[in-house]
């Protein structure tokens, strides 16, 4: 079993807290046998992480991707809302035209195939 100096442990914790390394990357880079050792170091040396909490490290590219996805989602929701308003307006138009013409356009529309 390898032993790691306190200085190296603190260095690894600082790199993880700064977002320069993930726990998995630190485990691979420093050839640490068990990732749980790194979590133990985090709980011991971290200024912000306390036992029982989960550390989530996102790289800038992941955060940017999440922001882009949220923006695209909002745009799609807005487009869907606009389309629903158009559909509602068309249904209302059909309803008004049906009353004016005294014909149920919903039923009669598309009943008969058009003649060429």
PDB file of N, CA and C in Angstrom:
ATOM      1  N   UNK A   1       0.839  -1.183   0.000  1.00  0.00           N
ATOM      2  CA  UNK A   1       0.000   0.000   0.000  1.00  0.00           C
ATOM      3  C   UNK A   1       0.884   1.247   0.000  1.00  0.00           C
ATOM      4  N   UNK A   2       0.585   2.173  -0.904  1.00  0.00           N
ATOM      5  CA  UNK A   2       1.367   3.404  -1.008  1.00  0.00           C
ATOM      6  C   UNK A   2       0.962   4.366   0.086  1.00  0.00           C
ATOM      7  N   UNK A   3       1.918   5.169   0.506  1.00  0.00           N
ATOM      8  CA  UNK A   3       1.667   6.229   1.482  1.00  0.00           C
ATOM      9  C   UNK A   3       1.936   7.558   0.773  1.00  0.00           C
ATOM     10  N   UNK A   4       1.078   8.525   1.010  1.00  0.00           N
ATOM     11  CA  UNK A   4       1.206   9.829   0.379  1.00  0.00           C
ATOM     12  C   UNK A   4       1.430  10.874   1.462  1.00  0.00           C
ATOM     13  N   UNK A   5       2.359  11.781   1.182  1.00  0.00           N
ATOM     14  CA  UNK A   5       2.676  12.806   2.170  1.00  0.00           C
ATOM     15  C   UNK A   5       1.489  13.747   2.348  1.00  0.00           C
ATOM     16  N   UNK A   6       1.456  14.404   3.504  1.00  0.00           N
ATOM     17  CA  UNK A   6       0.383  15.358   3.770  1.00  0.00           C
ATOM     18  C   UNK A   6       0.447  16.508   2.766  1.00  0.00           C
ATOM     19  N   UNK A   7       1.631  16.901   2.397  1.00  0.00           N
ATOM     20  CA  UNK A   7       1.805  17.986   1.425  1.00  0.00           C
ATOM     21  C   UNK A   7       1.177  17.605   0.080  1.00  0.00           C
ATOM     22  N   UNK A   8       1.425  16.379  -0.378  1.00  0.00           N
ATOM     23  CA  UNK A   8       0.854  15.927  -1.636  1.00  0.00           C
ATOM     24  C   UNK A   8      -0.668  15.815  -1.525  1.00  0.00           C
ATOM     25  N   UNK A   9      -1.152  15.322  -0.411  1.00  0.00           N
ATOM     26  CA  UNK A   9      -2.602  15.220  -0.205  1.00  0.00           C
ATOM     27  C   UNK A   9      -3.256  16.597  -0.302  1.00  0.00           C
ATOM     28  N   UNK A  10      -2.657  17.579   0.387  1.00  0.00           N
ATOM     29  CA  UNK A  10      -3.205  18.944   0.349  1.00  0.00           C
ATOM     30  C   UNK A  10      -3.163  19.525  -1.073  1.00  0.00           C
ATOM     31  N   UNK A  11      -2.068  19.223  -1.788  1.00  0.00           N
ATOM     32  CA  UNK A  11      -1.927  19.701  -3.163  1.00  0.00           C
ATOM     33  C   UNK A  11      -3.034  19.127  -4.047  1.00  0.00           C
ATOM     34  N   UNK A  12      -3.299  17.853  -3.915  1.00  0.00           N
ATOM     35  CA  UNK A  12      -4.348  17.201  -4.703  1.00  0.00           C
ATOM     36  C   UNK A  12      -5.706  17.799  -4.364  1.00  0.00           C
ATOM     37  N   UNK A  13      -5.976  18.022  -3.083  1.00  0.00           N
ATOM     38  CA  UNK A  13      -7.249  18.618  -2.657  1.00  0.00           C
ATOM     39  C   UNK A  13      -7.403  20.005  -3.260  1.00  0.00           C
ATOM     40  N   UNK A  14      -6.336  20.817  -3.252  1.00  0.00           N
ATOM     41  CA  UNK A  14      -6.413  22.164  -3.824  1.00  0.00           C
ATOM     42  C   UNK A  14      -6.707  22.114  -5.317  1.00  0.00           C
ATOM     43  N   UNK A  15      -6.089  21.166  -6.018  1.00  0.00           N
ATOM     44  CA  UNK A  15      -6.325  21.044  -7.460  1.00  0.00           C
ATOM     45  C   UNK A  15      -7.770  20.643  -7.746  1.00  0.00           C
ATOM     46  N   UNK A  16      -8.308  19.760  -6.933  1.00  0.00           N
ATOM     47  CA  UNK A  16      -9.696  19.341  -7.124  1.00  0.00           C
ATOM     48  C   UNK A  16     -10.639  20.499  -6.817  1.00  0.00           C
ATOM     49  N   UNK A  17     -10.393  21.210  -5.733  1.00  0.00           N
ATOM     50  CA  UNK A  17     -11.242  22.347  -5.363  1.00  0.00           C
ATOM     51  C   UNK A  17     -11.196  23.456  -6.407  1.00  0.00           C
ATOM     52  N   UNK A  18     -10.037  23.623  -7.044  1.00  0.00           N
ATOM     53  CA  UNK A  18      -9.885  24.665  -8.065  1.00  0.00           C
ATOM     54  C   UNK A  18     -10.471  24.237  -9.410  1.00  0.00           C
ATOM     55  N   UNK A  19     -10.881  22.979  -9.514  1.00  0.00           N
ATOM     56  CA  UNK A  19     -11.464  22.491 -10.757  1.00  0.00           C
ATOM     57  C   UNK A  19     -10.431  22.076 -11.781  1.00  0.00           C
ATOM     58  N   UNK A  20      -9.186  21.963 -11.362  1.00  0.00           N
ATOM     59  CA  UNK A  20      -8.132  21.559 -12.292  1.00  0.00           C
ATOM     60  C   UNK A  20      -8.104  20.045 -12.490  1.00  0.00           C
ATOM     61  N   UNK A  21      -8.619  19.321 -11.516  1.00  0.00           N
ATOM     62  CA  UNK A  21      -8.674  17.864 -11.575  1.00  0.00           C
ATOM     63  C   UNK A  21     -10.006  17.381 -11.026  1.00  0.00           C
ATOM     64  N   UNK A  22     -10.474  16.257 -11.535  1.00  0.00           N
ATOM     65  CA  UNK A  22     -11.593  15.572 -10.904  1.00  0.00           C
ATOM     66  C   UNK A  22     -10.997  14.505  -9.995  1.00  0.00           C
ATOM     67  N   UNK A  23     -11.828  13.905  -9.174  1.00  0.00           N
ATOM     68  CA  UNK A  23     -11.350  12.845  -8.292  1.00  0.00           C
ATOM     69  C   UNK A  23     -10.785  11.700  -9.130  1.00  0.00           C
ATOM     70  N   UNK A  24     -11.483  11.346 -10.192  1.00  0.00           N
ATOM     71  CA  UNK A  24     -11.031  10.254 -11.052  1.00  0.00           C
ATOM     72  C   UNK A  24      -9.702  10.591 -11.725  1.00  0.00           C
ATOM     73  N   UNK A  25      -9.567  11.821 -12.207  1.00  0.00           N
ATOM     74  CA  UNK A  25      -8.311  12.231 -12.838  1.00  0.00           C
ATOM     75  C   UNK A  25      -7.165  12.209 -11.834  1.00  0.00           C
ATOM     76  N   UNK A  26      -7.421  12.664 -10.613  1.00  0.00           N
ATOM     77  CA  UNK A  26      -6.385  12.646  -9.579  1.00  0.00           C
ATOM     78  C   UNK A  26      -5.992  11.214  -9.259  1.00  0.00           C
ATOM     79  N   UNK A  27      -6.976  10.325  -9.185  1.00  0.00           N
ATOM     80  CA  UNK A  27      -6.693   8.921  -8.893  1.00  0.00           C
ATOM     81  C   UNK A  27      -5.785   8.330  -9.960  1.00  0.00           C
ATOM     82  N   UNK A  28      -6.072   8.627 -11.209  1.00  0.00           N
ATOM     83  CA  UNK A  28      -5.254   8.098 -12.305  1.00  0.00           C
ATOM     84  C   UNK A  28      -3.866   8.737 -12.348  1.00  0.00           C
ATOM     85  N   UNK A  29      -3.845  10.072 -12.253  1.00  0.00           N
ATOM     86  CA  UNK A  29      -2.577  10.794 -12.397  1.00  0.00           C
ATOM     87  C   UNK A  29      -1.587  10.445 -11.294  1.00  0.00           C
ATOM     88  N   UNK A  30      -2.076  10.331 -10.076  1.00  0.00           N
ATOM     89  CA  UNK A  30      -1.190  10.067  -8.947  1.00  0.00           C
ATOM     90  C   UNK A  30      -1.163   8.592  -8.548  1.00  0.00           C
ATOM     91  N   UNK A  31      -1.818   7.759  -9.368  1.00  0.00           N
ATOM     92  CA  UNK A  31      -1.850   6.310  -9.159  1.00  0.00           C
ATOM     93  C   UNK A  31      -2.297   5.951  -7.747  1.00  0.00           C
ATOM     94  N   UNK A  32      -3.428   6.525  -7.372  1.00  0.00           N
ATOM     95  CA  UNK A  32      -3.991   6.274  -6.054  1.00  0.00           C
ATOM     96  C   UNK A  32      -4.949   5.101  -6.202  1.00  0.00           C
ATOM     97  N   UNK A  33      -4.759   4.076  -5.411  1.00  0.00           N
ATOM     98  CA  UNK A  33      -5.501   2.831  -5.561  1.00  0.00           C
ATOM     99  C   UNK A  33      -7.001   2.964  -5.416  1.00  0.00           C
ATOM    100  N   UNK A  34      -7.453   3.772  -4.477  1.00  0.00           N
ATOM    101  CA  UNK A  34      -8.885   3.843  -4.186  1.00  0.00           C
ATOM    102  C   UNK A  34      -9.326   5.300  -4.149  1.00  0.00           C
ATOM    103  N   UNK A  35     -10.383   5.602  -4.901  1.00  0.00           N
ATOM    104  CA  UNK A  35     -10.877   6.975  -4.926  1.00  0.00           C
ATOM    105  C   UNK A  35     -11.392   7.420  -3.571  1.00  0.00           C
ATOM    106  N   UNK A  36     -11.787   6.467  -2.731  1.00  0.00           N
ATOM    107  CA  UNK A  36     -12.286   6.816  -1.403  1.00  0.00           C
ATOM    108  C   UNK A  36     -11.198   7.518  -0.583  1.00  0.00           C
ATOM    109  N   UNK A  37      -9.945   7.173  -0.820  1.00  0.00           N
ATOM    110  CA  UNK A  37      -8.833   7.850  -0.137  1.00  0.00           C
ATOM    111  C   UNK A  37      -8.858   9.341  -0.451  1.00  0.00           C
ATOM    112  N   UNK A  38      -9.120   9.667  -1.714  1.00  0.00           N
ATOM    113  CA  UNK A  38      -9.151  11.074  -2.121  1.00  0.00           C
ATOM    114  C   UNK A  38     -10.320  11.786  -1.438  1.00  0.00           C
ATOM    115  N   UNK A  39     -11.472  11.129  -1.366  1.00  0.00           N
ATOM    116  CA  UNK A  39     -12.606  11.743  -0.666  1.00  0.00           C
ATOM    117  C   UNK A  39     -12.279  11.942   0.812  1.00  0.00           C
ATOM    118  N   UNK A  40     -11.582  11.003   1.408  1.00  0.00           N
ATOM    119  CA  UNK A  40     -11.171  11.170   2.811  1.00  0.00           C
ATOM    120  C   UNK A  40     -10.267  12.388   2.959  1.00  0.00           C
ATOM    121  N   UNK A  41      -9.359  12.591   2.008  1.00  0.00           N
ATOM    122  CA  UNK A  41      -8.477  13.760   2.044  1.00  0.00           C
ATOM    123  C   UNK A  41      -9.297  15.035   1.858  1.00  0.00           C
ATOM    124  N   UNK A  42     -10.268  14.978   0.960  1.00  0.00           N
ATOM    125  CA  UNK A  42     -11.118  16.146   0.751  1.00  0.00           C
ATOM    126  C   UNK A  42     -11.848  16.519   2.036  1.00  0.00           C
ATOM    127  N   UNK A  43     -12.407  15.520   2.722  1.00  0.00           N
ATOM    128  CA  UNK A  43     -13.128  15.786   3.964  1.00  0.00           C
ATOM    129  C   UNK A  43     -12.187  16.322   5.046  1.00  0.00           C
ATOM    130  N   UNK A  44     -10.953  15.860   5.007  1.00  0.00           N
ATOM    131  CA  UNK A  44      -9.995  16.267   6.037  1.00  0.00           C
ATOM    132  C   UNK A  44      -9.382  17.637   5.754  1.00  0.00           C
ATOM    133  N   UNK A  45      -9.000  17.904   4.506  1.00  0.00           N
ATOM    134  CA  UNK A  45      -8.229  19.111   4.192  1.00  0.00           C
ATOM    135  C   UNK A  45      -9.020  20.218   3.500  1.00  0.00           C
ATOM    136  N   UNK A  46     -10.191  19.917   3.011  1.00  0.00           N
ATOM    137  CA  UNK A  46     -10.961  20.919   2.278  1.00  0.00           C
ATOM    138  C   UNK A  46     -11.501  21.984   3.229  1.00  0.00           C
ATOM    139  N   UNK A  47     -11.502  23.209   2.744  1.00  0.00           N
ATOM    140  CA  UNK A  47     -12.065  24.308   3.531  1.00  0.00           C
ATOM    141  C   UNK A  47     -13.589  24.345   3.417  1.00  0.00           C
ATOM    142  N   UNK A  48     -14.105  23.856   2.296  1.00  0.00           N
ATOM    143  CA  UNK A  48     -15.542  23.989   2.060  1.00  0.00           C
ATOM    144  C   UNK A  48     -16.307  22.672   2.102  1.00  0.00           C
ATOM    145  N   UNK A  49     -15.673  21.568   1.806  1.00  0.00           N
ATOM    146  CA  UNK A  49     -16.368  20.293   1.734  1.00  0.00           C
ATOM    147  C   UNK A  49     -16.422  19.632   3.110  1.00  0.00           C
ATOM    148  N   UNK A  50     -17.618  19.274   3.504  1.00  0.00           N
ATOM    149  CA  UNK A  50     -17.817  18.614   4.793  1.00  0.00           C
ATOM    150  C   UNK A  50     -18.292  17.191   4.562  1.00  0.00           C
ATOM    151  N   UNK A  51     -18.073  16.348   5.515  1.00  0.00           N
ATOM    152  CA  UNK A  51     -18.467  14.941   5.425  1.00  0.00           C
ATOM    153  C   UNK A  51     -19.962  14.841   5.132  1.00  0.00           C
ATOM    154  N   UNK A  52     -20.309  13.963   4.188  1.00  0.00           N
ATOM    155  CA  UNK A  52     -21.703  13.762   3.840  1.00  0.00           C
ATOM    156  C   UNK A  52     -22.161  14.583   2.651  1.00  0.00           C
ATOM    157  N   UNK A  53     -21.321  15.486   2.174  1.00  0.00           N
ATOM    158  CA  UNK A  53     -21.691  16.256   0.988  1.00  0.00           C
ATOM    159  C   UNK A  53     -21.014  15.641  -0.226  1.00  0.00           C
ATOM    160  N   UNK A  54     -21.545  15.942  -1.387  1.00  0.00           N
ATOM    161  CA  UNK A  54     -21.013  15.393  -2.625  1.00  0.00           C
ATOM    162  C   UNK A  54     -20.361  16.526  -3.402  1.00  0.00           C
ATOM    163  N   UNK A  55     -19.173  16.282  -3.886  1.00  0.00           N
ATOM    164  CA  UNK A  55     -18.436  17.269  -4.663  1.00  0.00           C
ATOM    165  C   UNK A  55     -18.732  17.057  -6.143  1.00  0.00           C
ATOM    166  N   UNK A  56     -19.215  18.101  -6.803  1.00  0.00           N
ATOM    167  CA  UNK A  56     -19.465  18.038  -8.233  1.00  0.00           C
ATOM    168  C   UNK A  56     -18.563  19.077  -8.877  1.00  0.00           C
ATOM    169  N   UNK A  57     -17.671  18.611  -9.728  1.00  0.00           N
ATOM    170  CA  UNK A  57     -16.758  19.515 -10.412  1.00  0.00           C
ATOM    171  C   UNK A  57     -17.127  19.517 -11.880  1.00  0.00           C
ATOM    172  N   UNK A  58     -17.412  20.697 -12.402  1.00  0.00           N
ATOM    173  CA  UNK A  58     -17.731  20.819 -13.812  1.00  0.00           C
ATOM    174  C   UNK A  58     -16.650  21.653 -14.477  1.00  0.00           C
ATOM    175  N   UNK A  59     -16.228  21.184 -15.593  1.00  0.00           N
ATOM    176  CA  UNK A  59     -15.282  21.963 -16.365  1.00  0.00           C
ATOM    177  C   UNK A  59     -16.055  23.071 -17.071  1.00  0.00           C
ATOM    178  N   UNK A  60     -15.341  24.109 -17.478  1.00  0.00           N
ATOM    179  CA  UNK A  60     -15.987  25.253 -18.129  1.00  0.00           C
ATOM    180  C   UNK A  60     -16.778  24.831 -19.355  1.00  0.00           C
ATOM    181  N   UNK A  61     -16.239  23.878 -20.119  1.00  0.00           N
ATOM    182  CA  UNK A  61     -16.937  23.454 -21.327  1.00  0.00           C
ATOM    183  C   UNK A  61     -18.263  22.786 -20.979  1.00  0.00           C
ATOM    184  N   UNK A  62     -18.306  22.028 -19.891  1.00  0.00           N
ATOM    185  CA  UNK A  62     -19.554  21.397 -19.467  1.00  0.00           C
ATOM    186  C   UNK A  62     -20.554  22.457 -19.021  1.00  0.00           C
ATOM    187  N   UNK A  63     -20.095  23.459 -18.294  1.00  0.00           N
ATOM    188  CA  UNK A  63     -20.984  24.528 -17.843  1.00  0.00           C
ATOM    189  C   UNK A  63     -21.516  25.302 -19.039  1.00  0.00           C
ATOM    190  N   UNK A  64     -20.659  25.583 -20.010  1.00  0.00           N
ATOM    191  CA  UNK A  64     -21.088  26.299 -21.226  1.00  0.00           C
ATOM    192  C   UNK A  64     -22.125  25.478 -21.978  1.00  0.00           C
ATOM    193  N   UNK A  65     -21.890  24.169 -22.071  1.00  0.00           N
ATOM    194  CA  UNK A  65     -22.829  23.278 -22.752  1.00  0.00           C
ATOM    195  C   UNK A  65     -24.184  23.294 -22.042  1.00  0.00           C
ATOM    196  N   UNK A  66     -24.162  23.254 -20.719  1.00  0.00           N
ATOM    197  CA  UNK A  66     -25.409  23.303 -19.946  1.00  0.00           C
ATOM    198  C   UNK A  66     -26.154  24.618 -20.174  1.00  0.00           C
ATOM    199  N   UNK A  67     -25.422  25.721 -20.209  1.00  0.00           N
ATOM    200  CA  UNK A  67     -26.049  27.024 -20.461  1.00  0.00           C
ATOM    201  C   UNK A  67     -26.668  27.057 -21.855  1.00  0.00           C
ATOM    202  N   UNK A  68     -25.941  26.528 -22.833  1.00  0.00           N
ATOM    203  CA  UNK A  68     -26.453  26.503 -24.208  1.00  0.00           C
ATOM    204  C   UNK A  68     -27.718  25.651 -24.294  1.00  0.00           C
ATOM    205  N   UNK A  69     -27.722  24.521 -23.589  1.00  0.00           N
ATOM    206  CA  UNK A  69     -28.897  23.647 -23.597  1.00  0.00           C
ATOM    207  C   UNK A  69     -30.094  24.320 -22.935  1.00  0.00           C
ATOM    208  N   UNK A  70     -29.846  25.027 -21.825  1.00  0.00           N
ATOM    209  CA  UNK A  70     -30.941  25.743 -21.169  1.00  0.00           C
ATOM    210  C   UNK A  70     -31.507  26.828 -22.081  1.00  0.00           C
ATOM    211  N   UNK A  71     -30.630  27.536 -22.788  1.00  0.00           N
ATOM    212  CA  UNK A  71     -31.069  28.598 -23.705  1.00  0.00           C
ATOM    213  C   UNK A  71     -31.887  28.000 -24.850  1.00  0.00           C
ATOM    214  N   UNK A  72     -31.402  26.899 -25.423  1.00  0.00           N
ATOM    215  CA  UNK A  72     -32.119  26.251 -26.518  1.00  0.00           C
ATOM    216  C   UNK A  72     -33.476  25.747 -26.037  1.00  0.00           C
ATOM    217  N   UNK A  73     -33.522  25.232 -24.826  1.00  0.00           N
ATOM    218  CA  UNK A  73     -34.779  24.750 -24.256  1.00  0.00           C
ATOM    219  C   UNK A  73     -35.792  25.889 -24.125  1.00  0.00           C
ATOM    220  N   UNK A  74     -35.347  27.039 -23.643  1.00  0.00           N
ATOM    221  CA  UNK A  74     -36.242  28.196 -23.523  1.00  0.00           C
ATOM    222  C   UNK A  74     -36.763  28.637 -24.887  1.00  0.00           C
ATOM    223  N   UNK A  75     -35.876  28.639 -25.896  1.00  0.00           N
ATOM    224  CA  UNK A  75     -36.286  29.030 -27.241  1.00  0.00           C
ATOM    225  C   UNK A  75     -37.326  28.059 -27.801  1.00  0.00           C
ATOM    226  N   UNK A  76     -37.122  26.768 -27.564  1.00  0.00           N
ATOM    227  CA  UNK A  76     -38.079  25.769 -28.041  1.00  0.00           C
ATOM    228  C   UNK A  76     -39.424  25.894 -27.327  1.00  0.00           C
ATOM    229  N   UNK A  77     -39.383  26.158 -26.031  1.00  0.00           N
ATOM    230  CA  UNK A  77     -40.627  26.349 -25.290  1.00  0.00           C
ATOM    231  C   UNK A  77     -41.388  27.565 -25.809  1.00  0.00           C
ATOM    232  N   UNK A  78     -40.668  28.632 -26.129  1.00  0.00           N
ATOM    233  CA  UNK A  78     -41.308  29.831 -26.667  1.00  0.00           C
ATOM    234  C   UNK A  78     -41.922  29.545 -28.037  1.00  0.00           C
ATOM    235  N   UNK A  79     -41.193  28.814 -28.887  1.00  0.00           N
ATOM    236  CA  UNK A  79     -41.707  28.470 -30.209  1.00  0.00           C
ATOM    237  C   UNK A  79     -42.950  27.588 -30.082  1.00  0.00           C
ATOM    238  N   UNK A  80     -42.919  26.656 -29.151  1.00  0.00           N
ATOM    239  CA  UNK A  80     -44.076  25.791 -28.917  1.00  0.00           C
ATOM    240  C   UNK A  80     -45.280  26.616 -28.461  1.00  0.00           C
ATOM    241  N   UNK A  81     -45.050  27.575 -27.601  1.00  0.00           N
ATOM    242  CA  UNK A  81     -46.124  28.452 -27.135  1.00  0.00           C
ATOM    243  C   UNK A  81     -46.732  29.249 -28.278  1.00  0.00           C
ATOM    244  N   UNK A  82     -45.872  29.763 -29.168  1.00  0.00           N
ATOM    245  CA  UNK A  82     -46.374  30.514 -30.322  1.00  0.00           C
ATOM    246  C   UNK A  82     -47.222  29.619 -31.229  1.00  0.00           C
ATOM    247  N   UNK A  83     -46.761  28.410 -31.476  1.00  0.00           N
ATOM    248  CA  UNK A  83     -47.493  27.483 -32.333  1.00  0.00           C
ATOM    249  C   UNK A  83     -48.836  27.106 -31.703  1.00  0.00           C
ATOM    250  N   UNK A  84     -48.853  26.917 -30.398  1.00  0.00           N
ATOM    251  CA  UNK A  84     -50.112  26.595 -29.723  1.00  0.00           C
ATOM    252  C   UNK A  84     -51.096  27.745 -29.849  1.00  0.00           C
ATOM    253  N   UNK A  85     -50.609  28.980 -29.772  1.00  0.00           N
ATOM    254  CA  UNK A  85     -51.488  30.138 -29.948  1.00  0.00           C
ATOM    255  C   UNK A  85     -52.064  30.174 -31.364  1.00  0.00           C
ATOM    256  N   UNK A  86     -51.233  29.823 -32.354  1.00  0.00           N
ATOM    257  CA  UNK A  86     -51.709  29.776 -33.734  1.00  0.00           C
ATOM    258  C   UNK A  86     -52.809  28.718 -33.885  1.00  0.00           C
ATOM    259  N   UNK A  87     -52.594  27.549 -33.303  1.00  0.00           N
ATOM    260  CA  UNK A  87     -53.580  26.471 -33.372  1.00  0.00           C
ATOM    261  C   UNK A  87     -54.888  26.899 -32.719  1.00  0.00           C
ATOM    262  N   UNK A  88     -54.772  27.516 -31.537  1.00  0.00           N
ATOM    263  CA  UNK A  88     -55.976  27.989 -30.840  1.00  0.00           C
ATOM    264  C   UNK A  88     -56.726  29.004 -31.683  1.00  0.00           C
ATOM    265  N   UNK A  89     -56.013  29.905 -32.350  1.00  0.00           N
ATOM    266  CA  UNK A  89     -56.644  30.926 -33.192  1.00  0.00           C
ATOM    267  C   UNK A  89     -57.340  30.276 -34.378  1.00  0.00           C
ATOM    268  N   UNK A  90     -56.709  29.267 -34.980  1.00  0.00           N
ATOM    269  CA  UNK A  90     -57.330  28.583 -36.120  1.00  0.00           C
ATOM    270  C   UNK A  90     -58.586  27.831 -35.705  1.00  0.00           C
ATOM    271  N   UNK A  91     -58.545  27.181 -34.547  1.00  0.00           N
ATOM    272  CA  UNK A  91     -59.748  26.501 -34.046  1.00  0.00           C
ATOM    273  C   UNK A  91     -60.880  27.502 -33.802  1.00  0.00           C
ATOM    274  N   UNK A  92     -60.537  28.640 -33.254  1.00  0.00           N
ATOM    275  CA  UNK A  92     -61.550  29.671 -33.015  1.00  0.00           C
ATOM    276  C   UNK A  92     -62.130  30.158 -34.347  1.00  0.00           C
ATOM    277  N   UNK A  93     -61.268  30.330 -35.345  1.00  0.00           N
ATOM    278  CA  UNK A  93     -61.705  30.746 -36.668  1.00  0.00           C
ATOM    279  C   UNK A  93     -62.662  29.715 -37.270  1.00  0.00           C
ATOM    280  N   UNK A  94     -62.330  28.449 -37.144  1.00  0.00           N
ATOM    281  CA  UNK A  94     -63.205  27.378 -37.648  1.00  0.00           C
ATOM    282  C   UNK A  94     -64.546  27.411 -36.922  1.00  0.00           C
ATOM    283  N   UNK A  95     -64.498  27.623 -35.614  1.00  0.00           N
ATOM    284  CA  UNK A  95     -65.729  27.685 -34.821  1.00  0.00           C
ATOM    285  C   UNK A  95     -66.620  28.843 -35.278  1.00  0.00           C
ATOM    286  N   UNK A  96     -66.032  30.023 -35.466  1.00  0.00           N
ATOM    287  CA  UNK A  96     -66.797  31.199 -35.902  1.00  0.00           C
ATOM    288  C   UNK A  96     -67.351  30.988 -37.307  1.00  0.00           C
ATOM    289  N   UNK A  97     -66.507  30.453 -38.213  1.00  0.00           N
ATOM    290  CA  UNK A  97     -66.954  30.214 -39.590  1.00  0.00           C
ATOM    291  C   UNK A  97     -68.068  29.180 -39.613  1.00  0.00           C
ATOM    292  N   UNK A  98     -67.990  28.167 -38.765  1.00  0.00           N
ATOM    293  CA  UNK A  98     -69.043  27.150 -38.694  1.00  0.00           C
ATOM    294  C   UNK A  98     -70.371  27.779 -38.306  1.00  0.00           C
ATOM    295  N   UNK A  99     -70.357  28.691 -37.341  1.00  0.00           N
ATOM    296  CA  UNK A  99     -71.589  29.366 -36.911  1.00  0.00           C
ATOM    297  C   UNK A  99     -72.134  30.265 -38.020  1.00  0.00           C
ATOM    298  N   UNK A 100     -71.216  30.996 -38.667  1.00  0.00           N
ATOM    299  CA  UNK A 100     -71.643  31.929 -39.722  1.00  0.00           C
ATOM    300  C   UNK A 100     -72.233  31.185 -40.923  1.00  0.00           C
ATOM    301  N   UNK A 101     -71.628  30.069 -41.281  1.00  0.00           N
ATOM    302  CA  UNK A 101     -72.069  29.323 -42.466  1.00  0.00           C
ATOM    303  C   UNK A 101     -73.105  28.261 -42.130  1.00  0.00           C
ATOM    304  N   UNK A 102     -73.362  28.081 -40.852  1.00  0.00           N
ATOM    305  CA  UNK A 102     -74.307  27.077 -40.376  1.00  0.00           C
ATOM    306  C   UNK A 102     -73.930  25.677 -40.898  1.00  0.00           C
ATOM    307  N   UNK A 103     -72.617  25.389 -40.854  1.00  0.00           N
ATOM    308  CA  UNK A 103     -72.076  24.092 -41.276  1.00  0.00           C
ATOM    309  C   UNK A 103     -71.005  23.693 -40.266  1.00  0.00           C
ATOM    310  N   UNK A 104     -71.003  22.444 -39.889  1.00  0.00           N
ATOM    311  CA  UNK A 104     -69.962  21.978 -38.969  1.00  0.00           C
ATOM    312  C   UNK A 104     -68.700  21.691 -39.786  1.00  0.00           C
ATOM    313  N   UNK A 105     -67.834  22.692 -39.852  1.00  0.00           N
ATOM    314  CA  UNK A 105     -66.626  22.560 -40.678  1.00  0.00           C
ATOM    315  C   UNK A 105     -65.678  21.487 -40.153  1.00  0.00           C
ATOM    316  N   UNK A 106     -65.694  21.234 -38.869  1.00  0.00           N
ATOM    317  CA  UNK A 106     -64.820  20.210 -38.306  1.00  0.00           C
ATOM    318  C   UNK A 106     -65.180  18.844 -38.871  1.00  0.00           C
ATOM    319  N   UNK A 107     -66.482  18.576 -39.004  1.00  0.00           N
ATOM    320  CA  UNK A 107     -66.918  17.278 -39.526  1.00  0.00           C
ATOM    321  C   UNK A 107     -66.828  17.236 -41.040  1.00  0.00           C
ATOM    322  N   UNK A 108     -67.222  18.302 -41.692  1.00  0.00           N
ATOM    323  CA  UNK A 108     -67.294  18.261 -43.149  1.00  0.00           C
ATOM    324  C   UNK A 108     -65.935  18.478 -43.811  1.00  0.00           C
ATOM    325  N   UNK A 109     -65.017  19.021 -43.116  1.00  0.00           N
ATOM    326  CA  UNK A 109     -63.694  19.258 -43.697  1.00  0.00           C
ATOM    327  C   UNK A 109     -62.984  17.922 -43.899  1.00  0.00           C
ATOM    328  N   UNK A 110     -62.650  17.642 -45.122  1.00  0.00           N
ATOM    329  CA  UNK A 110     -61.908  16.440 -45.430  1.00  0.00           C
ATOM    330  C   UNK A 110     -62.749  15.198 -45.577  1.00  0.00           C
ATOM    331  N   UNK A 111     -64.086  15.304 -45.476  1.00  0.00           N
ATOM    332  CA  UNK A 111     -64.943  14.138 -45.633  1.00  0.00           C
ATOM    333  C   UNK A 111     -64.921  13.623 -47.077  1.00  0.00           C
ATOM    334  N   UNK A 112     -65.010  14.558 -47.974  1.00  0.00           N
ATOM    335  CA  UNK A 112     -65.102  14.177 -49.378  1.00  0.00           C
ATOM    336  C   UNK A 112     -63.760  14.414 -50.059  1.00  0.00           C
ATOM    337  N   UNK A 113     -63.313  13.405 -50.772  1.00  0.00           N
ATOM    338  CA  UNK A 113     -62.053  13.613 -51.502  1.00  0.00           C
ATOM    339  C   UNK A 113     -62.272  14.630 -52.610  1.00  0.00           C
ATOM    340  N   UNK A 114     -61.294  15.451 -52.842  1.00  0.00           N
ATOM    341  CA  UNK A 114     -61.418  16.457 -53.892  1.00  0.00           C
ATOM    342  C   UNK A 114     -61.356  15.782 -55.251  1.00  0.00           C
ATOM    343  N   UNK A 115     -62.122  16.336 -56.212  1.00  0.00           N
ATOM    344  CA  UNK A 115     -62.162  15.763 -57.564  1.00  0.00           C
ATOM    345  C   UNK A 115     -61.104  16.441 -58.407  1.00  0.00           C
ATOM    346  N   UNK A 116     -60.382  15.651 -59.167  1.00  0.00           N
ATOM    347  CA  UNK A 116     -59.330  16.229 -60.016  1.00  0.00           C
ATOM    348  C   UNK A 116     -59.847  16.977 -61.205  1.00  0.00           C
TER     349      UNK A 116
END
